[in-house]
Amino acid sequence: MSDQATRLMTATEGSLEAGIEQCVVGRRLSDISHAVQVVAEGAGLLGGEEYVATASGAPCTKSRRYRTTSPGKGPELKEGMVFAIEPMSMPERRPWRHSRTDGRS
């Protein structure tokens, strides 16, 4: 495995752990994504700041998107909430572009 791949995996795992640590009643949704981004960027990786967090409630068809770059935003975390924390760390120079097939950005 290359050094870059090892660094990417280590930083992404650290980002996940940092996000999990923020899953505390009373914190905000963006506290999780902010912690993930800080660890990724601290390792010299791109933290996926162009992505957003999505909060889904009951019924699950209702969802809202939140910018991830600053803490203290979005819904307050409450007991019983369930989250999928998916760190999206990338090398500083990525050899690809992401796009959507439906034409939206």
C-alpha atoms as a PDB file:
ATOM      1  CA  MET A   1       0.000   0.000   0.000  1.00  0.00           C
ATOM      2  CA  SER A   2       1.331   3.463  -0.856  1.00  0.00           C
ATOM      3  CA  ASP A   3       2.204   6.047   1.784  1.00  0.00           C
ATOM      4  CA  GLN A   4      -0.583   8.279   0.465  1.00  0.00           C
ATOM      5  CA  ALA A   5      -3.154   5.472   0.806  1.00  0.00           C
ATOM      6  CA  THR A   6      -1.975   4.701   4.342  1.00  0.00           C
ATOM      7  CA  ARG A   7      -2.182   8.386   5.294  1.00  0.00           C
ATOM      8  CA  LEU A   8      -5.651   8.648   3.764  1.00  0.00           C
ATOM      9  CA  MET A   9      -6.931   5.578   5.638  1.00  0.00           C
ATOM     10  CA  THR A  10      -5.401   6.662   8.955  1.00  0.00           C
ATOM     11  CA  ALA A  11      -6.798  10.193   8.698  1.00  0.00           C
ATOM     12  CA  THR A  12     -10.222   8.957   7.627  1.00  0.00           C
ATOM     13  CA  GLU A  13     -10.387   6.573  10.580  1.00  0.00           C
ATOM     14  CA  GLY A  14      -9.330   9.414  12.896  1.00  0.00           C
ATOM     15  CA  SER A  15     -12.021  11.613  11.342  1.00  0.00           C
ATOM     16  CA  LEU A  16     -14.642   8.968  12.032  1.00  0.00           C
ATOM     17  CA  GLU A  17     -13.537   8.691  15.666  1.00  0.00           C
ATOM     18  CA  ALA A  18     -13.642  12.487  16.055  1.00  0.00           C
ATOM     19  CA  GLY A  19     -17.163  12.556  14.634  1.00  0.00           C
ATOM     20  CA  ILE A  20     -18.330   9.787  16.958  1.00  0.00           C
ATOM     21  CA  GLU A  21     -16.933  11.722  19.944  1.00  0.00           C
ATOM     22  CA  GLN A  22     -19.266  14.607  19.038  1.00  0.00           C
ATOM     23  CA  CYS A  23     -22.374  12.406  19.240  1.00  0.00           C
ATOM     24  CA  VAL A  24     -23.407  13.796  22.613  1.00  0.00           C
ATOM     25  CA  VAL A  25     -26.855  14.989  23.658  1.00  0.00           C
ATOM     26  CA  GLY A  26     -26.990  18.778  23.378  1.00  0.00           C
ATOM     27  CA  ARG A  27     -24.416  19.152  20.609  1.00  0.00           C
ATOM     28  CA  ARG A  28     -25.450  20.153  17.061  1.00  0.00           C
ATOM     29  CA  LEU A  29     -25.400  18.124  13.850  1.00  0.00           C
ATOM     30  CA  SER A  30     -22.639  20.215  12.296  1.00  0.00           C
ATOM     31  CA  ASP A  31     -20.425  19.615  15.352  1.00  0.00           C
ATOM     32  CA  ILE A  32     -20.027  16.067  14.045  1.00  0.00           C
ATOM     33  CA  SER A  33     -19.127  17.026  10.483  1.00  0.00           C
ATOM     34  CA  HIS A  34     -16.890  19.873  11.641  1.00  0.00           C
ATOM     35  CA  ALA A  35     -14.860  17.469  13.806  1.00  0.00           C
ATOM     36  CA  VAL A  36     -14.500  15.109  10.822  1.00  0.00           C
ATOM     37  CA  GLN A  37     -13.289  17.953   8.601  1.00  0.00           C
ATOM     38  CA  VAL A  38     -10.804  19.356  11.151  1.00  0.00           C
ATOM     39  CA  VAL A  39      -9.054  15.987  11.516  1.00  0.00           C
ATOM     40  CA  ALA A  40      -8.909  15.419   7.741  1.00  0.00           C
ATOM     41  CA  GLU A  41      -7.513  18.878   7.050  1.00  0.00           C
ATOM     42  CA  GLY A  42      -5.051  18.512   9.929  1.00  0.00           C
ATOM     43  CA  ALA A  43      -3.649  15.487   8.093  1.00  0.00           C
ATOM     44  CA  GLY A  44      -3.240  17.563   4.929  1.00  0.00           C
ATOM     45  CA  LEU A  45      -6.270  16.100   3.181  1.00  0.00           C
ATOM     46  CA  LEU A  46      -9.336  17.720   1.693  1.00  0.00           C
ATOM     47  CA  GLY A  47     -12.201  17.371   4.113  1.00  0.00           C
ATOM     48  CA  GLY A  48     -15.051  17.377   1.624  1.00  0.00           C
ATOM     49  CA  GLU A  49     -16.270  20.843   2.612  1.00  0.00           C
ATOM     50  CA  GLU A  50     -18.431  21.038  -0.502  1.00  0.00           C
ATOM     51  CA  TYR A  51     -20.618  18.276   0.888  1.00  0.00           C
ATOM     52  CA  VAL A  52     -23.457  18.710   3.349  1.00  0.00           C
ATOM     53  CA  ALA A  53     -24.932  16.781   6.238  1.00  0.00           C
ATOM     54  CA  THR A  54     -28.482  15.557   5.865  1.00  0.00           C
ATOM     55  CA  ALA A  55     -30.778  15.208   8.849  1.00  0.00           C
ATOM     56  CA  SER A  56     -33.774  12.938   8.369  1.00  0.00           C
ATOM     57  CA  GLY A  57     -36.584  12.731  10.844  1.00  0.00           C
ATOM     58  CA  ALA A  58     -39.871  10.951  11.204  1.00  0.00           C
ATOM     59  CA  PRO A  59     -41.314  10.488   8.732  1.00  0.00           C
ATOM     60  CA  CYS A  60     -38.099   9.658   6.908  1.00  0.00           C
ATOM     61  CA  THR A  61     -39.276  11.458   3.789  1.00  0.00           C
ATOM     62  CA  LYS A  62     -38.549  14.780   5.524  1.00  0.00           C
ATOM     63  CA  SER A  63     -34.919  15.783   5.343  1.00  0.00           C
ATOM     64  CA  ARG A  64     -32.910  18.976   5.491  1.00  0.00           C
ATOM     65  CA  ARG A  65     -29.348  19.709   4.352  1.00  0.00           C
ATOM     66  CA  TYR A  66     -26.784  21.535   6.495  1.00  0.00           C
ATOM     67  CA  ARG A  67     -23.427  23.019   5.528  1.00  0.00           C
ATOM     68  CA  THR A  68     -20.661  21.195   7.336  1.00  0.00           C
ATOM     69  CA  THR A  69     -17.937  23.808   7.681  1.00  0.00           C
ATOM     70  CA  SER A  70     -18.869  25.467  10.955  1.00  0.00           C
ATOM     71  CA  PRO A  71     -19.874  23.933  14.290  1.00  0.00           C
ATOM     72  CA  GLY A  72     -23.014  24.772  16.224  1.00  0.00           C
ATOM     73  CA  LYS A  73     -25.450  24.536  13.290  1.00  0.00           C
ATOM     74  CA  GLY A  74     -28.344  22.243  12.546  1.00  0.00           C
ATOM     75  CA  PRO A  75     -30.596  20.322  14.873  1.00  0.00           C
ATOM     76  CA  GLU A  76     -29.638  19.699  18.485  1.00  0.00           C
ATOM     77  CA  LEU A  77     -28.640  16.094  19.127  1.00  0.00           C
ATOM     78  CA  LYS A  78     -31.139  14.234  21.268  1.00  0.00           C
ATOM     79  CA  GLU A  79     -31.217  10.815  22.853  1.00  0.00           C
ATOM     80  CA  GLY A  80     -32.359   8.146  20.409  1.00  0.00           C
ATOM     81  CA  MET A  81     -31.135   9.870  17.239  1.00  0.00           C
ATOM     82  CA  VAL A  82     -29.330   7.661  14.737  1.00  0.00           C
ATOM     83  CA  PHE A  83     -26.515   8.881  12.463  1.00  0.00           C
ATOM     84  CA  ALA A  84     -24.424   7.511   9.629  1.00  0.00           C
ATOM     85  CA  ILE A  85     -21.053   9.247   9.858  1.00  0.00           C
ATOM     86  CA  GLU A  86     -19.244   8.913   6.537  1.00  0.00           C
ATOM     87  CA  PRO A  87     -15.925  10.775   6.411  1.00  0.00           C
ATOM     88  CA  MET A  88     -15.085  11.849   2.883  1.00  0.00           C
ATOM     89  CA  SER A  89     -11.368  12.580   3.024  1.00  0.00           C
ATOM     90  CA  MET A  90      -9.553  13.047  -0.261  1.00  0.00           C
ATOM     91  CA  PRO A  91      -5.973  13.634  -1.344  1.00  0.00           C
ATOM     92  CA  GLU A  92      -5.081  17.288  -1.857  1.00  0.00           C
ATOM     93  CA  ARG A  93      -4.962  16.726  -5.587  1.00  0.00           C
ATOM     94  CA  ARG A  94      -7.660  14.398  -6.729  1.00  0.00           C
ATOM     95  CA  PRO A  95      -7.437  12.878 -10.180  1.00  0.00           C
ATOM     96  CA  TRP A  96     -11.211  12.932 -10.657  1.00  0.00           C
ATOM     97  CA  ARG A  97     -14.195  15.250 -10.575  1.00  0.00           C
ATOM     98  CA  HIS A  98     -17.536  14.497  -9.026  1.00  0.00           C
ATOM     99  CA  SER A  99     -20.736  15.291 -10.838  1.00  0.00           C
ATOM    100  CA  ARG A 100     -24.375  14.382 -10.767  1.00  0.00           C
ATOM    101  CA  THR A 101     -26.182  12.634 -13.575  1.00  0.00           C
ATOM    102  CA  ASP A 102     -29.321  14.739 -13.078  1.00  0.00           C
ATOM    103  CA  GLY A 103     -27.514  17.981 -13.954  1.00  0.00           C
ATOM    104  CA  ARG A 104     -27.881  19.534 -10.482  1.00  0.00           C
ATOM    105  CA  SER A 105     -24.836  20.694  -8.572  1.00  0.00           C
END
